[in-house]
Amino acid sequence: MDEKIKILLAEDDTNLGMLLKEYLRAKGFDTILCEDGDAAYEAFLNQPFDLCIFDVMMPKRDGFTLAKDVRQINSEIPIIFLTAKNMKEDVLEGFKIGADDYMSKPFSMEELLLRIEAVLRRSTGLKPEDEQEVFKIGKLTFNSKKQTLFDGEEEQKLTTKESELLKLLCLNVNKVLERNYALKNIWADDNYFNARSMDVYITKLRKHLKKDPSVEIINVHGKGYKLIL
C-alpha cells in the first residue's frame, strides 16, 4: 500500500497497549496509542484515522462514550471494542452504538489482525494489501485469482488451499508467515489436524516452486514459514 492505514488505539492497560501498538505497527498499520478516552478524543480531533480500537473500561471517558463522540464527527469510521467483561448487555450496547466488531480479553494478536482486515474490507472500501492478485516468484508468475503458476512455458493449476497459502507467503515474502495466522486465515482454526494439513500443502508448494531453484520455502522453528526470493 502507498499510504498506511491509520489506527487510533485507546487502551488504559499500559502493557497491553504498548504490545498492541508494536504488533500493529509491525503489521504495517500506522498506530497511535492513547491511555484514556479524553486523550483519544483529542487525537481524533487533530488527525485523520481509518479505524478505531477502543477499550470499553477506561478512565476519563469510557469506550462507549468515546465511540459516541467520535461518531458525532465521523459516522462511518469502523470501531472495534475491546473488553475484559463478556457481558451480553455490554456487547449489545456496543453494537447499538454501531460497533463493527467486539473482542473479549484475552484474545490473540492474530485474531485481532484478522478482525481488523475483515472490518476494513467491509467498510470504506479501504483494502489491505492482500488484494494484489499477480505475484512474481523468481522466474515464476503466480496468479492468485486464477490459481495458476506459470514458468514461461507451462501453466500449472493449483488447488484453492495451495493458492491461498502461496498468496499469504507472497504477501509476507522474505518475512515469517506465522503458522497460527495462516491456519486461522485459511482453515479458520489452528488445531493439530489443520496444522498437519498445512505441512502437507507446504510440501506440495515446494514441489511446484522447484522449477526455479533460487526460490525456497523454509521452516522457521516454532514460528512458521518464510518464502525466500
Protein backbone atom coordinates (compact mmCIF):
# COMPACT_ATOMS: atom_id res chain seq x y z
CA MET A 1 0.00 0.00 0.00
CA ASP A 2 1.19 3.50 -0.75
CA GLU A 3 -0.42 5.03 2.29
CA LYS A 4 -0.58 3.21 5.59
CA ILE A 5 -3.92 2.62 7.22
CA LYS A 6 -4.05 4.70 10.40
CA ILE A 7 -5.45 3.23 13.61
CA LEU A 8 -6.46 5.08 16.80
CA LEU A 9 -5.92 2.70 19.71
CA ALA A 10 -7.33 3.65 23.14
CA GLU A 11 -6.26 1.25 25.90
CA ASP A 12 -5.56 2.16 29.52
CA ASP A 13 -3.60 -1.02 30.30
CA THR A 14 -0.09 0.28 29.52
CA ASN A 15 1.48 -3.11 28.84
CA LEU A 16 -1.31 -4.37 26.58
CA GLY A 17 -1.47 -1.00 24.82
CA MET A 18 2.25 -0.99 24.01
CA LEU A 19 2.10 -4.63 22.92
CA LEU A 20 -0.82 -3.96 20.57
CA LYS A 21 0.75 -0.80 19.19
CA GLU A 22 4.06 -2.54 18.39
CA TYR A 23 2.30 -5.54 16.86
CA LEU A 24 0.06 -3.41 14.63
CA ARG A 25 2.98 -1.24 13.55
CA ALA A 26 4.95 -4.38 12.68
CA LYS A 27 1.99 -5.44 10.52
CA GLY A 28 2.13 -2.17 8.58
CA PHE A 29 -0.50 -0.07 10.35
CA ASP A 30 0.29 3.47 11.47
CA THR A 31 -0.93 3.19 15.08
CA ILE A 32 -1.42 5.97 17.65
CA LEU A 33 -1.86 4.81 21.27
CA CYS A 34 -3.79 6.81 23.89
CA GLU A 35 -4.14 5.73 27.52
CA ASP A 36 -7.52 7.28 28.28
CA GLY A 37 -10.69 8.34 26.50
CA ASP A 38 -10.02 12.07 26.65
CA ALA A 39 -6.56 11.74 25.08
CA ALA A 40 -8.03 9.52 22.35
CA TYR A 41 -10.79 12.04 21.60
CA GLU A 42 -8.19 14.84 21.41
CA ALA A 43 -6.10 12.76 18.99
CA PHE A 44 -9.18 12.03 16.87
CA LEU A 45 -9.97 15.76 16.60
CA ASN A 46 -6.44 16.58 15.47
CA GLN A 47 -5.65 13.96 12.82
CA PRO A 48 -7.41 11.63 10.38
CA PHE A 49 -7.85 7.92 11.20
CA ASP A 50 -9.16 4.95 9.21
CA LEU A 51 -10.11 2.66 12.12
CA CYS A 52 -10.60 2.89 15.92
CA ILE A 53 -9.91 0.23 18.53
CA PHE A 54 -11.35 1.25 21.92
CA ASP A 55 -11.14 -0.47 25.28
CA VAL A 56 -14.56 -0.25 26.94
CA MET A 57 -13.39 0.34 30.53
CA MET A 58 -11.21 3.47 30.50
CA PRO A 59 -10.68 6.45 32.83
CA LYS A 60 -11.94 9.97 32.00
CA ARG A 61 -14.12 8.78 29.11
CA ASP A 62 -15.13 5.14 28.65
CA GLY A 63 -15.02 3.40 25.28
CA PHE A 64 -18.75 3.65 24.62
CA THR A 65 -18.87 7.39 25.35
CA LEU A 66 -15.75 7.91 23.26
CA ALA A 67 -17.31 5.97 20.37
CA LYS A 68 -20.50 8.07 20.52
CA ASP A 69 -18.43 11.26 20.48
CA VAL A 70 -16.27 10.02 17.59
CA ARG A 71 -19.38 9.01 15.63
CA GLN A 72 -20.76 12.55 16.01
CA ILE A 73 -17.78 13.69 13.94
CA ASN A 74 -17.41 10.70 11.63
CA SER A 75 -20.42 8.40 11.37
CA GLU A 76 -18.66 5.95 9.03
CA ILE A 77 -15.37 5.17 10.78
CA PRO A 78 -15.10 1.47 11.79
CA ILE A 79 -14.84 0.84 15.56
CA ILE A 80 -13.70 -2.36 17.27
CA PHE A 81 -14.32 -2.62 21.04
CA LEU A 82 -12.04 -4.47 23.45
CA THR A 83 -13.46 -5.57 26.78
CA ALA A 84 -12.45 -7.60 29.81
CA LYS A 85 -16.11 -8.16 30.54
CA ASN A 86 -18.03 -10.66 28.50
CA MET A 87 -21.48 -9.48 29.46
CA LYS A 88 -24.26 -9.73 26.93
CA GLU A 89 -25.51 -6.23 27.84
CA ASP A 90 -22.11 -4.74 27.01
CA VAL A 91 -21.98 -6.47 23.66
CA LEU A 92 -25.50 -5.27 22.83
CA GLU A 93 -24.65 -1.74 23.99
CA GLY A 94 -21.56 -1.78 21.76
CA PHE A 95 -23.49 -2.88 18.72
CA LYS A 96 -26.24 -0.31 19.42
CA ILE A 97 -23.60 2.41 19.26
CA GLY A 98 -22.56 0.90 15.95
CA ALA A 99 -19.56 -1.26 16.78
CA ASP A 100 -18.13 -3.04 13.76
CA ASP A 101 -16.69 -5.78 15.94
CA TYR A 102 -16.16 -6.76 19.55
CA MET A 103 -13.32 -8.71 21.18
CA SER A 104 -13.23 -10.08 24.71
CA LYS A 105 -9.89 -10.20 26.54
CA PRO A 106 -7.76 -12.21 26.47
CA PHE A 107 -7.52 -12.51 22.68
CA SER A 108 -4.76 -13.48 20.27
CA MET A 109 -2.96 -10.82 18.22
CA GLU A 110 -3.52 -12.89 15.07
CA GLU A 111 -7.27 -12.91 15.65
CA LEU A 112 -7.31 -9.15 16.14
CA LEU A 113 -5.43 -8.73 12.86
CA LEU A 114 -7.95 -10.91 11.02
CA ARG A 115 -10.83 -8.90 12.50
CA ILE A 116 -9.19 -5.60 11.50
CA GLU A 117 -8.71 -6.80 7.93
CA ALA A 118 -12.31 -8.05 7.74
CA VAL A 119 -13.69 -4.76 9.11
CA LEU A 120 -11.60 -2.74 6.64
CA ARG A 121 -12.82 -4.87 3.74
CA ARG A 122 -16.44 -4.35 4.80
CA SER A 123 -16.19 -0.64 5.49
CA THR A 124 -14.99 2.25 3.41
CA GLY A 125 -13.51 0.32 0.54
CA LEU A 126 -10.09 0.53 2.17
CA LYS A 127 -8.37 -2.65 1.24
CA PRO A 128 -5.40 -4.23 2.95
CA GLU A 129 -2.55 -5.09 0.63
CA ASP A 130 -3.82 -8.66 0.21
CA GLU A 131 -5.92 -7.50 -2.75
CA GLN A 132 -2.90 -7.98 -5.00
CA GLU A 133 -3.55 -10.85 -7.43
CA VAL A 134 -0.42 -11.41 -9.53
CA PHE A 135 2.97 -12.11 -7.96
CA LYS A 136 6.42 -12.68 -9.43
CA ILE A 137 8.15 -15.55 -7.62
CA GLY A 138 11.62 -15.64 -9.16
CA LYS A 139 11.04 -16.63 -12.78
CA LEU A 140 7.55 -17.93 -11.97
CA THR A 141 4.32 -15.93 -12.19
CA PHE A 142 1.57 -16.73 -9.70
CA ASN A 143 -1.99 -15.58 -10.36
CA SER A 144 -3.93 -15.99 -7.12
CA LYS A 145 -7.29 -15.24 -8.72
CA LYS A 146 -6.89 -17.80 -11.50
CA GLN A 147 -4.96 -20.10 -9.09
CA THR A 148 -2.20 -20.70 -11.63
CA LEU A 149 1.59 -20.85 -11.59
CA PHE A 150 3.32 -20.07 -14.90
CA ASP A 151 7.01 -20.78 -15.58
CA GLY A 152 7.18 -19.13 -19.00
CA GLU A 153 6.23 -22.30 -20.85
CA GLU A 154 3.77 -24.30 -18.83
CA GLU A 155 0.83 -23.18 -16.70
CA GLN A 156 0.07 -25.23 -13.62
CA LYS A 157 -3.32 -25.18 -11.89
CA LEU A 158 -3.21 -25.01 -8.09
CA THR A 159 -5.87 -26.12 -5.63
CA THR A 160 -7.70 -23.43 -3.63
CA LYS A 161 -5.76 -24.20 -0.43
CA GLU A 162 -2.40 -24.21 -2.28
CA SER A 163 -3.29 -20.88 -3.85
CA GLU A 164 -4.43 -19.28 -0.58
CA LEU A 165 -1.30 -20.44 1.23
CA LEU A 166 1.03 -19.30 -1.56
CA LYS A 167 -0.69 -15.90 -1.61
CA LEU A 168 -0.06 -15.42 2.14
CA LEU A 169 3.59 -16.42 1.64
CA CYS A 170 3.90 -13.93 -1.24
CA LEU A 171 2.36 -11.13 0.83
CA ASN A 172 4.95 -11.86 3.53
CA VAL A 173 7.85 -12.53 1.16
CA ASN A 174 11.23 -12.76 2.96
CA LYS A 175 9.34 -12.41 6.26
CA VAL A 176 7.99 -15.08 8.59
CA LEU A 177 4.43 -16.17 7.89
CA GLU A 178 3.17 -17.14 11.34
CA ARG A 179 1.63 -20.62 11.48
CA ASN A 180 -1.35 -19.56 13.62
CA TYR A 181 -2.12 -16.60 11.37
CA ALA A 182 -2.06 -18.78 8.24
CA LEU A 183 -4.16 -21.50 9.87
CA LYS A 184 -6.84 -19.10 11.09
CA ASN A 185 -6.85 -17.24 7.79
CA ILE A 186 -7.21 -20.34 5.59
CA TRP A 187 -8.53 -23.14 7.82
CA ALA A 188 -10.28 -20.88 10.40
CA ASP A 189 -8.81 -22.99 13.23
CA ASP A 190 -5.24 -23.66 14.33
CA ASN A 191 -5.85 -27.16 15.70
CA TYR A 192 -3.39 -30.06 15.34
CA PHE A 193 -5.06 -31.67 12.32
CA ASN A 194 -5.19 -28.44 10.33
CA ALA A 195 -1.54 -27.79 11.22
CA ARG A 196 -0.59 -31.20 9.81
CA SER A 197 -2.68 -30.46 6.73
CA MET A 198 -0.83 -27.18 6.21
CA ASP A 199 2.53 -29.00 6.38
CA VAL A 200 1.33 -31.22 3.53
CA TYR A 201 0.39 -28.17 1.44
CA ILE A 202 3.78 -26.57 2.12
CA THR A 203 5.44 -29.74 0.76
CA LYS A 204 3.23 -29.54 -2.36
CA LEU A 205 4.12 -25.88 -2.89
CA ARG A 206 7.83 -26.66 -2.59
CA LYS A 207 7.42 -29.17 -5.44
CA HIS A 208 5.60 -26.60 -7.57
CA LEU A 209 8.30 -23.98 -6.97
CA LYS A 210 11.19 -26.35 -7.80
CA LYS A 211 11.21 -25.02 -11.36
CA ASP A 212 13.16 -22.04 -10.02
CA PRO A 213 15.95 -23.33 -7.75
CA SER A 214 16.58 -19.81 -6.38
CA VAL A 215 13.14 -19.85 -4.71
CA GLU A 216 12.57 -21.72 -1.45
CA ILE A 217 10.14 -22.02 1.42
CA ILE A 218 11.99 -22.53 4.68
CA ASN A 219 10.73 -23.63 8.10
CA VAL A 220 11.27 -21.11 10.89
CA HIS A 221 11.31 -23.28 14.01
CA GLY A 222 8.45 -22.58 16.40
CA LYS A 223 7.13 -19.72 14.28
CA GLY A 224 6.11 -20.63 10.75
CA TYR A 225 7.41 -20.43 7.20
CA LYS A 226 9.30 -17.99 5.06
CA LEU A 227 9.26 -17.63 1.26
CA ILE A 228 12.79 -16.66 0.24
CA LEU A 229 13.36 -14.93 -3.10
